[in-house]
Amino acid sequence: MNKPEFFVTPGYGKYMLNELHYSQAVKSGDRIEISGQGGWDDNLQIPESLEDEIAQAFRNVERTLAIAGASWEHVI
């Protein structure tokens, strides 16, 4: 069995890890799982418009995928 590898997104992820003991992604074998991606920026500020918040959330997912060695083409 593979040992899980945990990933912290640069920026807001450092706060999540240090204050909430939370990692944005975990990789086990060739599987990556992501959770808790919101529409905040690196300062944990949320945009005023819902459209901007959703766009930021997708950028956060993309960043988290990248640090775990994946991209949108790997999402099923």
PDB file of N, CA and C in Angstrom:
ATOM      1  N   MET A   1       0.851  -1.194   0.000  1.00  0.00           N
ATOM      2  CA  MET A   1       0.000   0.000   0.000  1.00  0.00           C
ATOM      3  C   MET A   1       0.887   1.244   0.000  1.00  0.00           C
ATOM      4  N   ASN A   2       0.510   2.222  -0.802  1.00  0.00           N
ATOM      5  CA  ASN A   2       1.270   3.461  -0.892  1.00  0.00           C
ATOM      6  C   ASN A   2       1.011   4.348   0.309  1.00  0.00           C
ATOM      7  N   LYS A   3       2.059   5.028   0.740  1.00  0.00           N
ATOM      8  CA  LYS A   3       1.917   5.995   1.819  1.00  0.00           C
ATOM      9  C   LYS A   3       1.332   7.283   1.232  1.00  0.00           C
ATOM     10  N   PRO A   4       0.301   7.860   1.853  1.00  0.00           N
ATOM     11  CA  PRO A   4      -0.294   9.079   1.301  1.00  0.00           C
ATOM     12  C   PRO A   4       0.686  10.249   1.370  1.00  0.00           C
ATOM     13  N   GLU A   5       0.597  11.112   0.364  1.00  0.00           N
ATOM     14  CA  GLU A   5       1.409  12.322   0.305  1.00  0.00           C
ATOM     15  C   GLU A   5       0.452  13.513   0.340  1.00  0.00           C
ATOM     16  N   PHE A   6       0.687  14.452   1.252  1.00  0.00           N
ATOM     17  CA  PHE A   6      -0.204  15.590   1.436  1.00  0.00           C
ATOM     18  C   PHE A   6       0.388  16.839   0.786  1.00  0.00           C
ATOM     19  N   PHE A   7      -0.490  17.704   0.254  1.00  0.00           N
ATOM     20  CA  PHE A   7      -0.068  18.904  -0.456  1.00  0.00           C
ATOM     21  C   PHE A   7      -0.772  20.127   0.109  1.00  0.00           C
ATOM     22  N   VAL A   8      -0.010  21.217   0.202  1.00  0.00           N
ATOM     23  CA  VAL A   8      -0.529  22.490   0.688  1.00  0.00           C
ATOM     24  C   VAL A   8      -0.351  23.520  -0.423  1.00  0.00           C
ATOM     25  N   THR A   9      -1.428  24.146  -0.826  1.00  0.00           N
ATOM     26  CA  THR A   9      -1.381  25.163  -1.866  1.00  0.00           C
ATOM     27  C   THR A   9      -0.632  26.388  -1.347  1.00  0.00           C
ATOM     28  N   PRO A  10       0.361  26.900  -2.101  1.00  0.00           N
ATOM     29  CA  PRO A  10       1.055  28.116  -1.659  1.00  0.00           C
ATOM     30  C   PRO A  10       0.064  29.254  -1.440  1.00  0.00           C
ATOM     31  N   GLY A  11       0.378  30.127  -0.497  1.00  0.00           N
ATOM     32  CA  GLY A  11      -0.507  31.242  -0.178  1.00  0.00           C
ATOM     33  C   GLY A  11      -1.481  30.843   0.916  1.00  0.00           C
ATOM     34  N   TYR A  12      -2.767  30.805   0.593  1.00  0.00           N
ATOM     35  CA  TYR A  12      -3.794  30.508   1.597  1.00  0.00           C
ATOM     36  C   TYR A  12      -3.615  29.140   2.243  1.00  0.00           C
ATOM     37  N   GLY A  13      -2.992  28.211   1.541  1.00  0.00           N
ATOM     38  CA  GLY A  13      -2.810  26.858   2.075  1.00  0.00           C
ATOM     39  C   GLY A  13      -1.954  26.814   3.322  1.00  0.00           C
ATOM     40  N   LYS A  14      -0.989  27.740   3.428  1.00  0.00           N
ATOM     41  CA  LYS A  14      -0.129  27.786   4.621  1.00  0.00           C
ATOM     42  C   LYS A  14      -0.967  28.082   5.861  1.00  0.00           C
ATOM     43  N   TYR A  15      -1.899  29.030   5.735  1.00  0.00           N
ATOM     44  CA  TYR A  15      -2.798  29.342   6.849  1.00  0.00           C
ATOM     45  C   TYR A  15      -3.653  28.129   7.197  1.00  0.00           C
ATOM     46  N   MET A  16      -4.220  27.493   6.179  1.00  0.00           N
ATOM     47  CA  MET A  16      -5.077  26.328   6.412  1.00  0.00           C
ATOM     48  C   MET A  16      -4.317  25.236   7.163  1.00  0.00           C
ATOM     49  N   LEU A  17      -3.068  25.019   6.784  1.00  0.00           N
ATOM     50  CA  LEU A  17      -2.273  23.986   7.446  1.00  0.00           C
ATOM     51  C   LEU A  17      -1.918  24.392   8.871  1.00  0.00           C
ATOM     52  N   ASN A  18      -1.386  25.593   9.045  1.00  0.00           N
ATOM     53  CA  ASN A  18      -0.908  26.020  10.361  1.00  0.00           C
ATOM     54  C   ASN A  18      -2.024  26.257  11.366  1.00  0.00           C
ATOM     55  N   GLU A  19      -3.117  26.834  10.927  1.00  0.00           N
ATOM     56  CA  GLU A  19      -4.200  27.191  11.849  1.00  0.00           C
ATOM     57  C   GLU A  19      -5.301  26.139  11.940  1.00  0.00           C
ATOM     58  N   LEU A  20      -5.564  25.444  10.848  1.00  0.00           N
ATOM     59  CA  LEU A  20      -6.688  24.507  10.817  1.00  0.00           C
ATOM     60  C   LEU A  20      -6.246  23.055  10.654  1.00  0.00           C
ATOM     61  N   HIS A  21      -4.913  22.846  10.511  1.00  0.00           N
ATOM     62  CA  HIS A  21      -4.343  21.493  10.358  1.00  0.00           C
ATOM     63  C   HIS A  21      -4.996  20.761   9.186  1.00  0.00           C
ATOM     64  N   TYR A  22      -5.016  21.445   8.058  1.00  0.00           N
ATOM     65  CA  TYR A  22      -5.750  20.990   6.889  1.00  0.00           C
ATOM     66  C   TYR A  22      -4.878  21.109   5.643  1.00  0.00           C
ATOM     67  N   SER A  23      -4.815  20.057   4.850  1.00  0.00           N
ATOM     68  CA  SER A  23      -4.117  20.067   3.560  1.00  0.00           C
ATOM     69  C   SER A  23      -5.154  20.070   2.445  1.00  0.00           C
ATOM     70  N   GLN A  24      -4.846  20.740   1.341  1.00  0.00           N
ATOM     71  CA  GLN A  24      -5.810  20.858   0.253  1.00  0.00           C
ATOM     72  C   GLN A  24      -5.904  19.607  -0.608  1.00  0.00           C
ATOM     73  N   ALA A  25      -4.845  18.794  -0.621  1.00  0.00           N
ATOM     74  CA  ALA A  25      -4.868  17.607  -1.479  1.00  0.00           C
ATOM     75  C   ALA A  25      -4.071  16.477  -0.843  1.00  0.00           C
ATOM     76  N   VAL A  26      -4.450  15.268  -1.202  1.00  0.00           N
ATOM     77  CA  VAL A  26      -3.713  14.077  -0.784  1.00  0.00           C
ATOM     78  C   VAL A  26      -3.591  13.164  -1.997  1.00  0.00           C
ATOM     79  N   LYS A  27      -2.407  12.568  -2.125  1.00  0.00           N
ATOM     80  CA  LYS A  27      -2.155  11.646  -3.231  1.00  0.00           C
ATOM     81  C   LYS A  27      -1.803  10.286  -2.655  1.00  0.00           C
ATOM     82  N   SER A  28      -2.477   9.276  -3.161  1.00  0.00           N
ATOM     83  CA  SER A  28      -2.189   7.896  -2.778  1.00  0.00           C
ATOM     84  C   SER A  28      -2.094   7.094  -4.069  1.00  0.00           C
ATOM     85  N   GLY A  29      -0.909   6.591  -4.350  1.00  0.00           N
ATOM     86  CA  GLY A  29      -0.705   5.924  -5.632  1.00  0.00           C
ATOM     87  C   GLY A  29      -0.850   6.929  -6.752  1.00  0.00           C
ATOM     88  N   ASP A  30      -1.698   6.625  -7.725  1.00  0.00           N
ATOM     89  CA  ASP A  30      -1.911   7.558  -8.834  1.00  0.00           C
ATOM     90  C   ASP A  30      -3.218   8.337  -8.696  1.00  0.00           C
ATOM     91  N   ARG A  31      -3.787   8.313  -7.504  1.00  0.00           N
ATOM     92  CA  ARG A  31      -5.059   9.008  -7.258  1.00  0.00           C
ATOM     93  C   ARG A  31      -4.811  10.246  -6.399  1.00  0.00           C
ATOM     94  N   ILE A  32      -5.394  11.377  -6.811  1.00  0.00           N
ATOM     95  CA  ILE A  32      -5.305  12.627  -6.066  1.00  0.00           C
ATOM     96  C   ILE A  32      -6.712  13.042  -5.677  1.00  0.00           C
ATOM     97  N   GLU A  33      -6.884  13.367  -4.403  1.00  0.00           N
ATOM     98  CA  GLU A  33      -8.183  13.868  -3.938  1.00  0.00           C
ATOM     99  C   GLU A  33      -8.000  15.277  -3.398  1.00  0.00           C
ATOM    100  N   ILE A  34      -8.938  16.146  -3.769  1.00  0.00           N
ATOM    101  CA  ILE A  34      -8.922  17.546  -3.360  1.00  0.00           C
ATOM    102  C   ILE A  34     -10.228  17.840  -2.636  1.00  0.00           C
ATOM    103  N   SER A  35     -10.138  18.682  -1.598  1.00  0.00           N
ATOM    104  CA  SER A  35     -11.375  19.076  -0.916  1.00  0.00           C
ATOM    105  C   SER A  35     -11.259  20.502  -0.408  1.00  0.00           C
ATOM    106  N   GLY A  36     -12.398  21.084  -0.113  1.00  0.00           N
ATOM    107  CA  GLY A  36     -12.460  22.388   0.530  1.00  0.00           C
ATOM    108  C   GLY A  36     -11.884  23.543  -0.261  1.00  0.00           C
ATOM    109  N   GLN A  37     -12.082  23.575  -1.557  1.00  0.00           N
ATOM    110  CA  GLN A  37     -11.569  24.675  -2.367  1.00  0.00           C
ATOM    111  C   GLN A  37     -12.642  25.739  -2.510  1.00  0.00           C
ATOM    112  N   GLY A  38     -12.401  26.872  -1.884  1.00  0.00           N
ATOM    113  CA  GLY A  38     -13.348  27.974  -1.960  1.00  0.00           C
ATOM    114  C   GLY A  38     -12.877  29.052  -2.913  1.00  0.00           C
ATOM    115  N   GLY A  39     -13.636  30.120  -2.995  1.00  0.00           N
ATOM    116  CA  GLY A  39     -13.337  31.214  -3.901  1.00  0.00           C
ATOM    117  C   GLY A  39     -12.532  32.333  -3.274  1.00  0.00           C
ATOM    118  N   TRP A  40     -11.680  32.035  -2.319  1.00  0.00           N
ATOM    119  CA  TRP A  40     -10.865  33.054  -1.654  1.00  0.00           C
ATOM    120  C   TRP A  40      -9.528  33.218  -2.354  1.00  0.00           C
ATOM    121  N   ASP A  41      -8.897  34.383  -2.086  1.00  0.00           N
ATOM    122  CA  ASP A  41      -7.559  34.613  -2.615  1.00  0.00           C
ATOM    123  C   ASP A  41      -6.534  34.222  -1.548  1.00  0.00           C
ATOM    124  N   ASP A  42      -5.259  34.545  -1.777  1.00  0.00           N
ATOM    125  CA  ASP A  42      -4.213  34.154  -0.828  1.00  0.00           C
ATOM    126  C   ASP A  42      -4.343  34.840   0.524  1.00  0.00           C
ATOM    127  N   ASN A  43      -5.088  35.944   0.580  1.00  0.00           N
ATOM    128  CA  ASN A  43      -5.333  36.643   1.846  1.00  0.00           C
ATOM    129  C   ASN A  43      -6.664  36.242   2.466  1.00  0.00           C
ATOM    130  N   LEU A  44      -7.252  35.177   1.938  1.00  0.00           N
ATOM    131  CA  LEU A  44      -8.543  34.650   2.391  1.00  0.00           C
ATOM    132  C   LEU A  44      -9.686  35.648   2.210  1.00  0.00           C
ATOM    133  N   GLN A  45      -9.542  36.541   1.232  1.00  0.00           N
ATOM    134  CA  GLN A  45     -10.600  37.482   0.896  1.00  0.00           C
ATOM    135  C   GLN A  45     -11.452  36.879  -0.218  1.00  0.00           C
ATOM    136  N   ILE A  46     -12.757  37.060  -0.111  1.00  0.00           N
ATOM    137  CA  ILE A  46     -13.690  36.523  -1.097  1.00  0.00           C
ATOM    138  C   ILE A  46     -14.176  37.668  -1.985  1.00  0.00           C
ATOM    139  N   PRO A  47     -14.142  37.495  -3.303  1.00  0.00           N
ATOM    140  CA  PRO A  47     -14.604  38.555  -4.209  1.00  0.00           C
ATOM    141  C   PRO A  47     -16.059  38.942  -3.940  1.00  0.00           C
ATOM    142  N   GLU A  48     -16.389  40.152  -4.332  1.00  0.00           N
ATOM    143  CA  GLU A  48     -17.747  40.656  -4.113  1.00  0.00           C
ATOM    144  C   GLU A  48     -18.782  39.951  -4.972  1.00  0.00           C
ATOM    145  N   SER A  49     -18.446  39.673  -6.226  1.00  0.00           N
ATOM    146  CA  SER A  49     -19.443  39.058  -7.102  1.00  0.00           C
ATOM    147  C   SER A  49     -19.336  37.535  -7.063  1.00  0.00           C
ATOM    148  N   LEU A  50     -20.468  36.894  -7.192  1.00  0.00           N
ATOM    149  CA  LEU A  50     -20.508  35.432  -7.208  1.00  0.00           C
ATOM    150  C   LEU A  50     -19.713  34.883  -8.388  1.00  0.00           C
ATOM    151  N   GLU A  51     -19.813  35.541  -9.531  1.00  0.00           N
ATOM    152  CA  GLU A  51     -19.079  35.098 -10.723  1.00  0.00           C
ATOM    153  C   GLU A  51     -17.568  35.091 -10.465  1.00  0.00           C
ATOM    154  N   ASP A  52     -17.062  36.154  -9.832  1.00  0.00           N
ATOM    155  CA  ASP A  52     -15.629  36.231  -9.521  1.00  0.00           C
ATOM    156  C   ASP A  52     -15.230  35.195  -8.474  1.00  0.00           C
ATOM    157  N   GLU A  53     -16.101  34.946  -7.521  1.00  0.00           N
ATOM    158  CA  GLU A  53     -15.826  33.943  -6.493  1.00  0.00           C
ATOM    159  C   GLU A  53     -15.723  32.541  -7.111  1.00  0.00           C
ATOM    160  N   ILE A  54     -16.634  32.225  -8.011  1.00  0.00           N
ATOM    161  CA  ILE A  54     -16.607  30.915  -8.676  1.00  0.00           C
ATOM    162  C   ILE A  54     -15.343  30.781  -9.526  1.00  0.00           C
ATOM    163  N   ALA A  55     -15.000  31.830 -10.261  1.00  0.00           N
ATOM    164  CA  ALA A  55     -13.783  31.799 -11.081  1.00  0.00           C
ATOM    165  C   ALA A  55     -12.552  31.592 -10.207  1.00  0.00           C
ATOM    166  N   GLN A  56     -12.507  32.249  -9.048  1.00  0.00           N
ATOM    167  CA  GLN A  56     -11.376  32.091  -8.131  1.00  0.00           C
ATOM    168  C   GLN A  56     -11.325  30.675  -7.579  1.00  0.00           C
ATOM    169  N   ALA A  57     -12.467  30.099  -7.268  1.00  0.00           N
ATOM    170  CA  ALA A  57     -12.497  28.719  -6.767  1.00  0.00           C
ATOM    171  C   ALA A  57     -11.905  27.760  -7.801  1.00  0.00           C
ATOM    172  N   PHE A  58     -12.240  27.948  -9.059  1.00  0.00           N
ATOM    173  CA  PHE A  58     -11.673  27.092 -10.109  1.00  0.00           C
ATOM    174  C   PHE A  58     -10.170  27.313 -10.262  1.00  0.00           C
ATOM    175  N   ARG A  59      -9.720  28.561 -10.108  1.00  0.00           N
ATOM    176  CA  ARG A  59      -8.269  28.814 -10.143  1.00  0.00           C
ATOM    177  C   ARG A  59      -7.588  28.117  -8.971  1.00  0.00           C
ATOM    178  N   ASN A  60      -8.240  28.115  -7.811  1.00  0.00           N
ATOM    179  CA  ASN A  60      -7.671  27.438  -6.643  1.00  0.00           C
ATOM    180  C   ASN A  60      -7.573  25.937  -6.869  1.00  0.00           C
ATOM    181  N   VAL A  61      -8.580  25.352  -7.480  1.00  0.00           N
ATOM    182  CA  VAL A  61      -8.522  23.919  -7.803  1.00  0.00           C
ATOM    183  C   VAL A  61      -7.355  23.665  -8.751  1.00  0.00           C
ATOM    184  N   GLU A  62      -7.214  24.507  -9.759  1.00  0.00           N
ATOM    185  CA  GLU A  62      -6.130  24.331 -10.731  1.00  0.00           C
ATOM    186  C   GLU A  62      -4.762  24.418 -10.058  1.00  0.00           C
ATOM    187  N   ARG A  63      -4.590  25.376  -9.162  1.00  0.00           N
ATOM    188  CA  ARG A  63      -3.320  25.513  -8.427  1.00  0.00           C
ATOM    189  C   ARG A  63      -3.050  24.278  -7.582  1.00  0.00           C
ATOM    190  N   THR A  64      -4.075  23.780  -6.923  1.00  0.00           N
ATOM    191  CA  THR A  64      -3.905  22.615  -6.062  1.00  0.00           C
ATOM    192  C   THR A  64      -3.582  21.379  -6.885  1.00  0.00           C
ATOM    193  N   LEU A  65      -4.250  21.212  -8.002  1.00  0.00           N
ATOM    194  CA  LEU A  65      -3.909  20.104  -8.900  1.00  0.00           C
ATOM    195  C   LEU A  65      -2.439  20.185  -9.300  1.00  0.00           C
ATOM    196  N   ALA A  66      -1.977  21.383  -9.638  1.00  0.00           N
ATOM    197  CA  ALA A  66      -0.603  21.561 -10.111  1.00  0.00           C
ATOM    198  C   ALA A  66       0.422  21.170  -9.051  1.00  0.00           C
ATOM    199  N   ILE A  67       0.193  21.554  -7.797  1.00  0.00           N
ATOM    200  CA  ILE A  67       1.187  21.205  -6.775  1.00  0.00           C
ATOM    201  C   ILE A  67       1.218  19.709  -6.506  1.00  0.00           C
ATOM    202  N   ALA A  68       0.129  19.036  -6.835  1.00  0.00           N
ATOM    203  CA  ALA A  68       0.075  17.580  -6.659  1.00  0.00           C
ATOM    204  C   ALA A  68       0.528  16.845  -7.919  1.00  0.00           C
ATOM    205  N   GLY A  69       0.938  17.606  -8.949  1.00  0.00           N
ATOM    206  CA  GLY A  69       1.449  16.994 -10.167  1.00  0.00           C
ATOM    207  C   GLY A  69       0.390  16.620 -11.185  1.00  0.00           C
ATOM    208  N   ALA A  70      -0.738  17.326 -11.162  1.00  0.00           N
ATOM    209  CA  ALA A  70      -1.829  17.011 -12.084  1.00  0.00           C
ATOM    210  C   ALA A  70      -2.352  18.299 -12.723  1.00  0.00           C
ATOM    211  N   SER A  71      -3.339  18.138 -13.599  1.00  0.00           N
ATOM    212  CA  SER A  71      -4.003  19.270 -14.243  1.00  0.00           C
ATOM    213  C   SER A  71      -5.447  18.869 -14.521  1.00  0.00           C
ATOM    214  N   TRP A  72      -6.207  19.792 -15.127  1.00  0.00           N
ATOM    215  CA  TRP A  72      -7.611  19.506 -15.414  1.00  0.00           C
ATOM    216  C   TRP A  72      -7.773  18.268 -16.289  1.00  0.00           C
ATOM    217  N   GLU A  73      -6.807  17.978 -17.144  1.00  0.00           N
ATOM    218  CA  GLU A  73      -6.935  16.807 -18.027  1.00  0.00           C
ATOM    219  C   GLU A  73      -6.938  15.494 -17.248  1.00  0.00           C
ATOM    220  N   HIS A  74      -6.537  15.535 -15.991  1.00  0.00           N
ATOM    221  CA  HIS A  74      -6.527  14.335 -15.159  1.00  0.00           C
ATOM    222  C   HIS A  74      -7.805  14.171 -14.329  1.00  0.00           C
ATOM    223  N   VAL A  75      -8.680  15.166 -14.361  1.00  0.00           N
ATOM    224  CA  VAL A  75      -9.901  15.139 -13.550  1.00  0.00           C
ATOM    225  C   VAL A  75     -10.954  14.267 -14.229  1.00  0.00           C
ATOM    226  N   ILE A  76     -11.574  13.388 -13.439  1.00  0.00           N
ATOM    227  CA  ILE A  76     -12.645  12.544 -13.984  1.00  0.00           C
ATOM    228  C   ILE A  76     -13.936  12.818 -13.254  1.00  0.00           C
TER     229      ILE A  76
END
